[in-house]
């Protein structure tokens, strides 16, 4: 799957877009590629862990873990990137917590 994604990336229109985004990145071109590679590795590890959780326990438990991590990710992004907590983010956070709570209510 990862090789297919890399092939599509190299063959598609993103080949022209990524260098332009790297030049315009506020922290520098090298850090752009570091962030890009690190996020790809973290996503691969996350999905590998979720597949392992499905294999060792159940898909329901994986759904619970995923719905628990989503609000944490939103809060971590606000703290790490010093973003403003807008009403849209508040509504999104409320819906994520509601989705997580629905595993225990229903």
PDB file of N, CA and C in Angstrom:
ATOM      1  N   UNK A   1       0.823  -1.184   0.000  1.00  0.00           N
ATOM      2  CA  UNK A   1       0.000   0.000   0.000  1.00  0.00           C
ATOM      3  C   UNK A   1       0.872   1.255   0.000  1.00  0.00           C
ATOM      4  N   UNK A   2       1.919   1.256   0.781  1.00  0.00           N
ATOM      5  CA  UNK A   2       2.793   2.422   0.839  1.00  0.00           C
ATOM      6  C   UNK A   2       3.483   2.653  -0.498  1.00  0.00           C
ATOM      7  N   UNK A   3       3.914   1.580  -1.156  1.00  0.00           N
ATOM      8  CA  UNK A   3       4.555   1.735  -2.462  1.00  0.00           C
ATOM      9  C   UNK A   3       3.587   2.282  -3.496  1.00  0.00           C
ATOM     10  N   UNK A   4       2.335   1.875  -3.412  1.00  0.00           N
ATOM     11  CA  UNK A   4       1.323   2.390  -4.329  1.00  0.00           C
ATOM     12  C   UNK A   4       1.119   3.881  -4.101  1.00  0.00           C
ATOM     13  N   UNK A   5       1.083   4.292  -2.845  1.00  0.00           N
ATOM     14  CA  UNK A   5       0.923   5.713  -2.544  1.00  0.00           C
ATOM     15  C   UNK A   5       2.097   6.522  -3.065  1.00  0.00           C
ATOM     16  N   UNK A   6       3.301   5.998  -2.935  1.00  0.00           N
ATOM     17  CA  UNK A   6       4.482   6.705  -3.437  1.00  0.00           C
ATOM     18  C   UNK A   6       4.443   6.800  -4.956  1.00  0.00           C
ATOM     19  N   UNK A   7       4.032   5.725  -5.622  1.00  0.00           N
ATOM     20  CA  UNK A   7       3.915   5.762  -7.078  1.00  0.00           C
ATOM     21  C   UNK A   7       2.906   6.807  -7.522  1.00  0.00           C
ATOM     22  N   UNK A   8       1.745   6.835  -6.880  1.00  0.00           N
ATOM     23  CA  UNK A   8       0.722   7.815  -7.243  1.00  0.00           C
ATOM     24  C   UNK A   8       1.204   9.228  -6.969  1.00  0.00           C
ATOM     25  N   UNK A   9       1.951   9.409  -5.897  1.00  0.00           N
ATOM     26  CA  UNK A   9       2.492  10.718  -5.568  1.00  0.00           C
ATOM     27  C   UNK A   9       3.458  11.194  -6.643  1.00  0.00           C
ATOM     28  N   UNK A  10       4.345  10.306  -7.076  1.00  0.00           N
ATOM     29  CA  UNK A  10       5.347  10.689  -8.065  1.00  0.00           C
ATOM     30  C   UNK A  10       4.752  10.870  -9.459  1.00  0.00           C
ATOM     31  N   UNK A  11       3.716  10.117  -9.787  1.00  0.00           N
ATOM     32  CA  UNK A  11       3.121  10.207 -11.121  1.00  0.00           C
ATOM     33  C   UNK A  11       2.087  11.321 -11.224  1.00  0.00           C
ATOM     34  N   UNK A  12       1.550  11.755 -10.108  1.00  0.00           N
ATOM     35  CA  UNK A  12       0.468  12.724 -10.126  1.00  0.00           C
ATOM     36  C   UNK A  12       0.944  14.168 -10.177  1.00  0.00           C
ATOM     37  N   UNK A  13      -0.002  15.052  -9.986  1.00  0.00           N
ATOM     38  CA  UNK A  13       0.266  16.486 -10.038  1.00  0.00           C
ATOM     39  C   UNK A  13       0.961  16.998  -8.782  1.00  0.00           C
ATOM     40  N   UNK A  14       1.029  16.163  -7.751  1.00  0.00           N
ATOM     41  CA  UNK A  14       1.660  16.616  -6.513  1.00  0.00           C
ATOM     42  C   UNK A  14       3.160  16.825  -6.651  1.00  0.00           C
ATOM     43  N   UNK A  15       3.753  16.277  -7.694  1.00  0.00           N
ATOM     44  CA  UNK A  15       5.187  16.447  -7.904  1.00  0.00           C
ATOM     45  C   UNK A  15       5.518  17.924  -8.112  1.00  0.00           C
ATOM     46  N   UNK A  16       4.636  18.655  -8.753  1.00  0.00           N
ATOM     47  CA  UNK A  16       4.868  20.074  -8.963  1.00  0.00           C
ATOM     48  C   UNK A  16       4.469  20.905  -7.742  1.00  0.00           C
ATOM     49  N   UNK A  17       3.515  20.440  -6.971  1.00  0.00           N
ATOM     50  CA  UNK A  17       2.982  21.225  -5.864  1.00  0.00           C
ATOM     51  C   UNK A  17       3.891  21.163  -4.638  1.00  0.00           C
ATOM     52  N   UNK A  18       4.457  20.007  -4.342  1.00  0.00           N
ATOM     53  CA  UNK A  18       5.239  19.839  -3.120  1.00  0.00           C
ATOM     54  C   UNK A  18       6.465  20.756  -3.077  1.00  0.00           C
ATOM     55  N   UNK A  19       7.269  20.883  -4.131  1.00  0.00           N
ATOM     56  CA  UNK A  19       8.398  21.821  -4.047  1.00  0.00           C
ATOM     57  C   UNK A  19       7.959  23.275  -3.844  1.00  0.00           C
ATOM     58  N   UNK A  20       6.838  23.650  -4.435  1.00  0.00           N
ATOM     59  CA  UNK A  20       6.328  25.010  -4.254  1.00  0.00           C
ATOM     60  C   UNK A  20       5.908  25.233  -2.802  1.00  0.00           C
ATOM     61  N   UNK A  21       5.211  24.255  -2.216  1.00  0.00           N
ATOM     62  CA  UNK A  21       4.830  24.359  -0.812  1.00  0.00           C
ATOM     63  C   UNK A  21       6.057  24.383   0.086  1.00  0.00           C
ATOM     64  N   UNK A  22       7.078  23.620  -0.258  1.00  0.00           N
ATOM     65  CA  UNK A  22       8.300  23.594   0.552  1.00  0.00           C
ATOM     66  C   UNK A  22       8.994  24.952   0.527  1.00  0.00           C
ATOM     67  N   UNK A  23       9.010  25.605  -0.618  1.00  0.00           N
ATOM     68  CA  UNK A  23       9.621  26.935  -0.693  1.00  0.00           C
ATOM     69  C   UNK A  23       8.850  27.953   0.135  1.00  0.00           C
ATOM     70  N   UNK A  24       7.520  27.815   0.183  1.00  0.00           N
ATOM     71  CA  UNK A  24       6.683  28.781   0.891  1.00  0.00           C
ATOM     72  C   UNK A  24       6.520  28.458   2.376  1.00  0.00           C
ATOM     73  N   UNK A  25       7.057  27.342   2.825  1.00  0.00           N
ATOM     74  CA  UNK A  25       6.914  26.923   4.222  1.00  0.00           C
ATOM     75  C   UNK A  25       7.662  27.901   5.127  1.00  0.00           C
ATOM     76  N   UNK A  26       7.004  28.356   6.195  1.00  0.00           N
ATOM     77  CA  UNK A  26       7.570  29.390   7.056  1.00  0.00           C
ATOM     78  C   UNK A  26       8.858  28.965   7.759  1.00  0.00           C
ATOM     79  N   UNK A  27       8.973  27.704   8.120  1.00  0.00           N
ATOM     80  CA  UNK A  27      10.122  27.237   8.889  1.00  0.00           C
ATOM     81  C   UNK A  27      11.307  26.812   8.020  1.00  0.00           C
ATOM     82  N   UNK A  28      11.132  26.826   6.729  1.00  0.00           N
ATOM     83  CA  UNK A  28      12.222  26.459   5.831  1.00  0.00           C
ATOM     84  C   UNK A  28      11.913  25.211   5.037  1.00  0.00           C
ATOM     85  N   UNK A  29      12.627  25.079   3.938  1.00  0.00           N
ATOM     86  CA  UNK A  29      12.370  23.979   3.017  1.00  0.00           C
ATOM     87  C   UNK A  29      12.761  22.624   3.600  1.00  0.00           C
ATOM     88  N   UNK A  30      13.883  22.565   4.320  1.00  0.00           N
ATOM     89  CA  UNK A  30      14.334  21.292   4.895  1.00  0.00           C
ATOM     90  C   UNK A  30      13.352  20.818   5.957  1.00  0.00           C
ATOM     91  N   UNK A  31      12.892  21.746   6.793  1.00  0.00           N
ATOM     92  CA  UNK A  31      11.938  21.347   7.841  1.00  0.00           C
ATOM     93  C   UNK A  31      10.608  20.894   7.251  1.00  0.00           C
ATOM     94  N   UNK A  32      10.234  21.430   6.091  1.00  0.00           N
ATOM     95  CA  UNK A  32       9.015  20.978   5.431  1.00  0.00           C
ATOM     96  C   UNK A  32       9.111  19.499   5.091  1.00  0.00           C
ATOM     97  N   UNK A  33      10.239  19.104   4.511  1.00  0.00           N
ATOM     98  CA  UNK A  33      10.407  17.702   4.139  1.00  0.00           C
ATOM     99  C   UNK A  33      10.546  16.810   5.372  1.00  0.00           C
ATOM    100  N   UNK A  34      11.130  17.328   6.441  1.00  0.00           N
ATOM    101  CA  UNK A  34      11.221  16.561   7.689  1.00  0.00           C
ATOM    102  C   UNK A  34       9.823  16.340   8.264  1.00  0.00           C
ATOM    103  N   UNK A  35       9.009  17.395   8.279  1.00  0.00           N
ATOM    104  CA  UNK A  35       7.631  17.259   8.774  1.00  0.00           C
ATOM    105  C   UNK A  35       6.840  16.304   7.891  1.00  0.00           C
ATOM    106  N   UNK A  36       7.009  16.400   6.593  1.00  0.00           N
ATOM    107  CA  UNK A  36       6.304  15.522   5.662  1.00  0.00           C
ATOM    108  C   UNK A  36       6.674  14.060   5.890  1.00  0.00           C
ATOM    109  N   UNK A  37       7.963  13.770   6.011  1.00  0.00           N
ATOM    110  CA  UNK A  37       8.408  12.393   6.232  1.00  0.00           C
ATOM    111  C   UNK A  37       8.000  11.888   7.611  1.00  0.00           C
ATOM    112  N   UNK A  38       8.138  12.734   8.627  1.00  0.00           N
ATOM    113  CA  UNK A  38       7.778  12.312   9.988  1.00  0.00           C
ATOM    114  C   UNK A  38       6.286  12.023  10.097  1.00  0.00           C
ATOM    115  N   UNK A  39       5.459  12.855   9.486  1.00  0.00           N
ATOM    116  CA  UNK A  39       4.018  12.591   9.558  1.00  0.00           C
ATOM    117  C   UNK A  39       3.642  11.319   8.807  1.00  0.00           C
ATOM    118  N   UNK A  40       4.303  11.036   7.706  1.00  0.00           N
ATOM    119  CA  UNK A  40       4.033   9.789   6.982  1.00  0.00           C
ATOM    120  C   UNK A  40       4.423   8.584   7.822  1.00  0.00           C
ATOM    121  N   UNK A  41       5.562   8.660   8.501  1.00  0.00           N
ATOM    122  CA  UNK A  41       5.999   7.545   9.351  1.00  0.00           C
ATOM    123  C   UNK A  41       5.065   7.359  10.528  1.00  0.00           C
ATOM    124  N   UNK A  42       4.650   8.463  11.161  1.00  0.00           N
ATOM    125  CA  UNK A  42       3.744   8.364  12.317  1.00  0.00           C
ATOM    126  C   UNK A  42       2.410   7.770  11.903  1.00  0.00           C
ATOM    127  N   UNK A  43       1.869   8.192  10.738  1.00  0.00           N
ATOM    128  CA  UNK A  43       0.604   7.625  10.273  1.00  0.00           C
ATOM    129  C   UNK A  43       0.734   6.128   9.984  1.00  0.00           C
ATOM    130  N   UNK A  44       1.858   5.723   9.393  1.00  0.00           N
ATOM    131  CA  UNK A  44       2.068   4.299   9.133  1.00  0.00           C
ATOM    132  C   UNK A  44       2.110   3.512  10.434  1.00  0.00           C
ATOM    133  N   UNK A  45       2.804   4.049  11.434  1.00  0.00           N
ATOM    134  CA  UNK A  45       2.871   3.362  12.729  1.00  0.00           C
ATOM    135  C   UNK A  45       1.507   3.312  13.414  1.00  0.00           C
ATOM    136  N   UNK A  46       0.744   4.395  13.303  1.00  0.00           N
ATOM    137  CA  UNK A  46      -0.590   4.409  13.898  1.00  0.00           C
ATOM    138  C   UNK A  46      -1.470   3.332  13.279  1.00  0.00           C
ATOM    139  N   UNK A  47      -1.510   3.275  11.959  1.00  0.00           N
ATOM    140  CA  UNK A  47      -2.364   2.283  11.308  1.00  0.00           C
ATOM    141  C   UNK A  47      -1.857   0.860  11.528  1.00  0.00           C
ATOM    142  N   UNK A  48      -0.550   0.700  11.614  1.00  0.00           N
ATOM    143  CA  UNK A  48      -0.006  -0.625  11.929  1.00  0.00           C
ATOM    144  C   UNK A  48      -0.453  -1.052  13.326  1.00  0.00           C
ATOM    145  N   UNK A  49      -0.430  -0.124  14.263  1.00  0.00           N
ATOM    146  CA  UNK A  49      -0.899  -0.427  15.614  1.00  0.00           C
ATOM    147  C   UNK A  49      -2.382  -0.733  15.662  1.00  0.00           C
ATOM    148  N   UNK A  50      -3.169   0.004  14.879  1.00  0.00           N
ATOM    149  CA  UNK A  50      -4.609  -0.266  14.851  1.00  0.00           C
ATOM    150  C   UNK A  50      -4.902  -1.633  14.249  1.00  0.00           C
ATOM    151  N   UNK A  51      -4.167  -2.009  13.219  1.00  0.00           N
ATOM    152  CA  UNK A  51      -4.342  -3.335  12.636  1.00  0.00           C
ATOM    153  C   UNK A  51      -3.945  -4.410  13.647  1.00  0.00           C
ATOM    154  N   UNK A  52      -2.872  -4.165  14.394  1.00  0.00           N
ATOM    155  CA  UNK A  52      -2.473  -5.100  15.448  1.00  0.00           C
ATOM    156  C   UNK A  52      -3.513  -5.205  16.539  1.00  0.00           C
ATOM    157  N   UNK A  53      -4.159  -4.097  16.866  1.00  0.00           N
ATOM    158  CA  UNK A  53      -5.224  -4.125  17.872  1.00  0.00           C
ATOM    159  C   UNK A  53      -6.409  -4.927  17.374  1.00  0.00           C
ATOM    160  N   UNK A  54      -6.760  -4.769  16.101  1.00  0.00           N
ATOM    161  CA  UNK A  54      -7.849  -5.572  15.532  1.00  0.00           C
ATOM    162  C   UNK A  54      -7.491  -7.051  15.586  1.00  0.00           C
ATOM    163  N   UNK A  55      -6.244  -7.375  15.254  1.00  0.00           N
ATOM    164  CA  UNK A  55      -5.809  -8.770  15.233  1.00  0.00           C
ATOM    165  C   UNK A  55      -5.814  -9.371  16.639  1.00  0.00           C
ATOM    166  N   UNK A  56      -5.362  -8.609  17.628  1.00  0.00           N
ATOM    167  CA  UNK A  56      -5.230  -9.145  18.992  1.00  0.00           C
ATOM    168  C   UNK A  56      -6.513  -9.052  19.805  1.00  0.00           C
ATOM    169  N   UNK A  57      -7.390  -8.110  19.497  1.00  0.00           N
ATOM    170  CA  UNK A  57      -8.619  -7.995  20.289  1.00  0.00           C
ATOM    171  C   UNK A  57      -9.835  -7.963  19.369  1.00  0.00           C
ATOM    172  N   UNK A  58     -10.320  -6.764  19.044  1.00  0.00           N
ATOM    173  CA  UNK A  58     -11.497  -6.688  18.179  1.00  0.00           C
ATOM    174  C   UNK A  58     -11.529  -5.341  17.473  1.00  0.00           C
ATOM    175  N   UNK A  59     -12.347  -5.270  16.449  1.00  0.00           N
ATOM    176  CA  UNK A  59     -12.490  -4.008  15.729  1.00  0.00           C
ATOM    177  C   UNK A  59     -13.266  -2.991  16.563  1.00  0.00           C
ATOM    178  N   UNK A  60     -14.130  -3.453  17.463  1.00  0.00           N
ATOM    179  CA  UNK A  60     -14.853  -2.534  18.343  1.00  0.00           C
ATOM    180  C   UNK A  60     -13.868  -1.803  19.249  1.00  0.00           C
ATOM    181  N   UNK A  61     -12.922  -2.528  19.815  1.00  0.00           N
ATOM    182  CA  UNK A  61     -11.929  -1.906  20.682  1.00  0.00           C
ATOM    183  C   UNK A  61     -11.073  -0.914  19.897  1.00  0.00           C
ATOM    184  N   UNK A  62     -10.761  -1.235  18.650  1.00  0.00           N
ATOM    185  CA  UNK A  62     -10.009  -0.315  17.808  1.00  0.00           C
ATOM    186  C   UNK A  62     -10.811   0.948  17.538  1.00  0.00           C
ATOM    187  N   UNK A  63     -12.103   0.805  17.325  1.00  0.00           N
ATOM    188  CA  UNK A  63     -12.966   1.973  17.140  1.00  0.00           C
ATOM    189  C   UNK A  63     -13.003   2.846  18.375  1.00  0.00           C
ATOM    190  N   UNK A  64     -13.028   2.216  19.549  1.00  0.00           N
ATOM    191  CA  UNK A  64     -13.024   2.978  20.794  1.00  0.00           C
ATOM    192  C   UNK A  64     -11.707   3.741  20.942  1.00  0.00           C
ATOM    193  N   UNK A  65     -10.601   3.091  20.654  1.00  0.00           N
ATOM    194  CA  UNK A  65      -9.298   3.762  20.753  1.00  0.00           C
ATOM    195  C   UNK A  65      -9.223   4.925  19.766  1.00  0.00           C
ATOM    196  N   UNK A  66      -9.680   4.703  18.550  1.00  0.00           N
ATOM    197  CA  UNK A  66      -9.643   5.753  17.537  1.00  0.00           C
ATOM    198  C   UNK A  66     -10.503   6.943  17.938  1.00  0.00           C
ATOM    199  N   UNK A  67     -11.707   6.684  18.435  1.00  0.00           N
ATOM    200  CA  UNK A  67     -12.578   7.787  18.831  1.00  0.00           C
ATOM    201  C   UNK A  67     -12.079   8.465  20.103  1.00  0.00           C
ATOM    202  N   UNK A  68     -11.261   7.792  20.903  1.00  0.00           N
ATOM    203  CA  UNK A  68     -10.651   8.416  22.067  1.00  0.00           C
ATOM    204  C   UNK A  68      -9.471   9.305  21.662  1.00  0.00           C
ATOM    205  N   UNK A  69      -8.717   8.888  20.650  1.00  0.00           N
ATOM    206  CA  UNK A  69      -7.545   9.650  20.225  1.00  0.00           C
ATOM    207  C   UNK A  69      -7.906  10.913  19.452  1.00  0.00           C
ATOM    208  N   UNK A  70      -9.057  10.935  18.810  1.00  0.00           N
ATOM    209  CA  UNK A  70      -9.425  12.087  17.990  1.00  0.00           C
ATOM    210  C   UNK A  70      -9.559  13.370  18.801  1.00  0.00           C
ATOM    211  N   UNK A  71     -10.306  13.404  19.919  1.00  0.00           N
ATOM    212  CA  UNK A  71     -10.341  14.647  20.702  1.00  0.00           C
ATOM    213  C   UNK A  71      -8.982  15.013  21.294  1.00  0.00           C
ATOM    214  N   UNK A  72      -8.193  14.006  21.666  1.00  0.00           N
ATOM    215  CA  UNK A  72      -6.858  14.300  22.188  1.00  0.00           C
ATOM    216  C   UNK A  72      -5.982  14.953  21.137  1.00  0.00           C
ATOM    217  N   UNK A  73      -6.130  14.528  19.903  1.00  0.00           N
ATOM    218  CA  UNK A  73      -5.366  15.120  18.810  1.00  0.00           C
ATOM    219  C   UNK A  73      -5.751  16.580  18.608  1.00  0.00           C
ATOM    220  N   UNK A  74      -7.032  16.889  18.703  1.00  0.00           N
ATOM    221  CA  UNK A  74      -7.482  18.267  18.537  1.00  0.00           C
ATOM    222  C   UNK A  74      -6.927  19.157  19.640  1.00  0.00           C
ATOM    223  N   UNK A  75      -6.992  18.704  20.873  1.00  0.00           N
ATOM    224  CA  UNK A  75      -6.479  19.489  21.995  1.00  0.00           C
ATOM    225  C   UNK A  75      -4.961  19.630  21.902  1.00  0.00           C
ATOM    226  N   UNK A  76      -4.273  18.570  21.520  1.00  0.00           N
ATOM    227  CA  UNK A  76      -2.819  18.621  21.379  1.00  0.00           C
ATOM    228  C   UNK A  76      -2.409  19.602  20.282  1.00  0.00           C
ATOM    229  N   UNK A  77      -3.174  19.671  19.205  1.00  0.00           N
ATOM    230  CA  UNK A  77      -2.862  20.619  18.126  1.00  0.00           C
ATOM    231  C   UNK A  77      -3.027  22.057  18.604  1.00  0.00           C
ATOM    232  N   UNK A  78      -4.033  22.311  19.417  1.00  0.00           N
ATOM    233  CA  UNK A  78      -4.240  23.662  19.943  1.00  0.00           C
ATOM    234  C   UNK A  78      -3.096  24.047  20.871  1.00  0.00           C
ATOM    235  N   UNK A  79      -2.664  23.114  21.712  1.00  0.00           N
ATOM    236  CA  UNK A  79      -1.577  23.394  22.643  1.00  0.00           C
ATOM    237  C   UNK A  79      -0.239  23.512  21.914  1.00  0.00           C
ATOM    238  N   UNK A  80       0.055  22.577  21.022  1.00  0.00           N
ATOM    239  CA  UNK A  80       1.364  22.543  20.372  1.00  0.00           C
ATOM    240  C   UNK A  80       1.550  23.682  19.375  1.00  0.00           C
ATOM    241  N   UNK A  81       0.502  24.027  18.638  1.00  0.00           N
ATOM    242  CA  UNK A  81       0.638  25.035  17.590  1.00  0.00           C
ATOM    243  C   UNK A  81       0.116  26.403  18.018  1.00  0.00           C
ATOM    244  N   UNK A  82      -0.295  26.544  19.274  1.00  0.00           N
ATOM    245  CA  UNK A  82      -0.773  27.818  19.841  1.00  0.00           C
ATOM    246  C   UNK A  82      -1.894  28.418  18.998  1.00  0.00           C
ATOM    247  N   UNK A  83      -2.820  27.561  18.591  1.00  0.00           N
ATOM    248  CA  UNK A  83      -3.951  28.025  17.802  1.00  0.00           C
ATOM    249  C   UNK A  83      -5.044  28.551  18.725  1.00  0.00           C
ATOM    250  N   UNK A  84      -5.925  29.356  18.154  1.00  0.00           N
ATOM    251  CA  UNK A  84      -7.069  29.846  18.920  1.00  0.00           C
ATOM    252  C   UNK A  84      -8.139  28.755  18.965  1.00  0.00           C
ATOM    253  N   UNK A  85      -8.814  28.664  20.093  1.00  0.00           N
ATOM    254  CA  UNK A  85      -9.895  27.695  20.242  1.00  0.00           C
ATOM    255  C   UNK A  85     -11.175  28.361  19.772  1.00  0.00           C
ATOM    256  N   UNK A  86     -11.501  28.163  18.506  1.00  0.00           N
ATOM    257  CA  UNK A  86     -12.664  28.809  17.909  1.00  0.00           C
ATOM    258  C   UNK A  86     -13.925  27.994  18.170  1.00  0.00           C
ATOM    259  N   UNK A  87     -15.052  28.556  17.789  1.00  0.00           N
ATOM    260  CA  UNK A  87     -16.324  27.858  17.995  1.00  0.00           C
ATOM    261  C   UNK A  87     -16.401  26.596  17.132  1.00  0.00           C
ATOM    262  N   UNK A  88     -15.795  26.633  15.949  1.00  0.00           N
ATOM    263  CA  UNK A  88     -15.798  25.438  15.089  1.00  0.00           C
ATOM    264  C   UNK A  88     -15.013  24.304  15.747  1.00  0.00           C
ATOM    265  N   UNK A  89     -13.881  24.635  16.347  1.00  0.00           N
ATOM    266  CA  UNK A  89     -13.096  23.617  17.027  1.00  0.00           C
ATOM    267  C   UNK A  89     -13.825  23.108  18.265  1.00  0.00           C
ATOM    268  N   UNK A  90     -14.533  23.990  18.943  1.00  0.00           N
ATOM    269  CA  UNK A  90     -15.321  23.570  20.098  1.00  0.00           C
ATOM    270  C   UNK A  90     -16.434  22.609  19.707  1.00  0.00           C
ATOM    271  N   UNK A  91     -17.118  22.918  18.607  1.00  0.00           N
ATOM    272  CA  UNK A  91     -18.183  22.036  18.123  1.00  0.00           C
ATOM    273  C   UNK A  91     -17.603  20.699  17.678  1.00  0.00           C
ATOM    274  N   UNK A  92     -16.473  20.733  16.991  1.00  0.00           N
ATOM    275  CA  UNK A  92     -15.819  19.499  16.560  1.00  0.00           C
ATOM    276  C   UNK A  92     -15.402  18.656  17.768  1.00  0.00           C
ATOM    277  N   UNK A  93     -14.856  19.309  18.787  1.00  0.00           N
ATOM    278  CA  UNK A  93     -14.455  18.596  19.994  1.00  0.00           C
ATOM    279  C   UNK A  93     -15.660  17.987  20.699  1.00  0.00           C
ATOM    280  N   UNK A  94     -16.754  18.744  20.766  1.00  0.00           N
ATOM    281  CA  UNK A  94     -17.968  18.227  21.401  1.00  0.00           C
ATOM    282  C   UNK A  94     -18.506  17.006  20.648  1.00  0.00           C
ATOM    283  N   UNK A  95     -18.491  17.056  19.323  1.00  0.00           N
ATOM    284  CA  UNK A  95     -18.966  15.910  18.536  1.00  0.00           C
ATOM    285  C   UNK A  95     -18.057  14.701  18.700  1.00  0.00           C
ATOM    286  N   UNK A  96     -16.747  14.940  18.814  1.00  0.00           N
ATOM    287  CA  UNK A  96     -15.810  13.825  19.021  1.00  0.00           C
ATOM    288  C   UNK A  96     -16.039  13.169  20.377  1.00  0.00           C
ATOM    289  N   UNK A  97     -16.227  13.987  21.398  1.00  0.00           N
ATOM    290  CA  UNK A  97     -16.478  13.435  22.732  1.00  0.00           C
ATOM    291  C   UNK A  97     -17.817  12.716  22.764  1.00  0.00           C
ATOM    292  N   UNK A  98     -18.817  13.255  22.063  1.00  0.00           N
ATOM    293  CA  UNK A  98     -20.118  12.601  21.985  1.00  0.00           C
ATOM    294  C   UNK A  98     -19.981  11.243  21.292  1.00  0.00           C
ATOM    295  N   UNK A  99     -19.203  11.180  20.216  1.00  0.00           N
ATOM    296  CA  UNK A  99     -18.984   9.907  19.531  1.00  0.00           C
ATOM    297  C   UNK A  99     -18.277   8.898  20.416  1.00  0.00           C
ATOM    298  N   UNK A 100     -17.291   9.367  21.196  1.00  0.00           N
ATOM    299  CA  UNK A 100     -16.594   8.471  22.116  1.00  0.00           C
ATOM    300  C   UNK A 100     -17.537   7.980  23.208  1.00  0.00           C
ATOM    301  N   UNK A 101     -18.364   8.874  23.743  1.00  0.00           N
ATOM    302  CA  UNK A 101     -19.300   8.486  24.810  1.00  0.00           C
ATOM    303  C   UNK A 101     -20.367   7.516  24.298  1.00  0.00           C
ATOM    304  N   UNK A 102     -20.691   7.594  23.010  1.00  0.00           N
ATOM    305  CA  UNK A 102     -21.742   6.726  22.475  1.00  0.00           C
ATOM    306  C   UNK A 102     -21.332   5.257  22.485  1.00  0.00           C
ATOM    307  N   UNK A 103     -20.017   4.963  22.552  1.00  0.00           N
ATOM    308  CA  UNK A 103     -19.592   3.572  22.665  1.00  0.00           C
ATOM    309  C   UNK A 103     -20.031   2.981  23.998  1.00  0.00           C
ATOM    310  N   UNK A 104     -20.135   3.799  25.027  1.00  0.00           N
ATOM    311  CA  UNK A 104     -20.462   3.285  26.353  1.00  0.00           C
ATOM    312  C   UNK A 104     -21.952   3.394  26.659  1.00  0.00           C
ATOM    313  N   UNK A 105     -22.639   4.333  26.011  1.00  0.00           N
ATOM    314  CA  UNK A 105     -24.070   4.511  26.252  1.00  0.00           C
ATOM    315  C   UNK A 105     -24.871   3.504  25.434  1.00  0.00           C
ATOM    316  N   UNK A 106     -24.522   3.336  24.172  1.00  0.00           N
ATOM    317  CA  UNK A 106     -25.293   2.491  23.278  1.00  0.00           C
ATOM    318  C   UNK A 106     -24.710   1.173  23.218  1.00  0.00           C
TER     319      UNK A 106
END
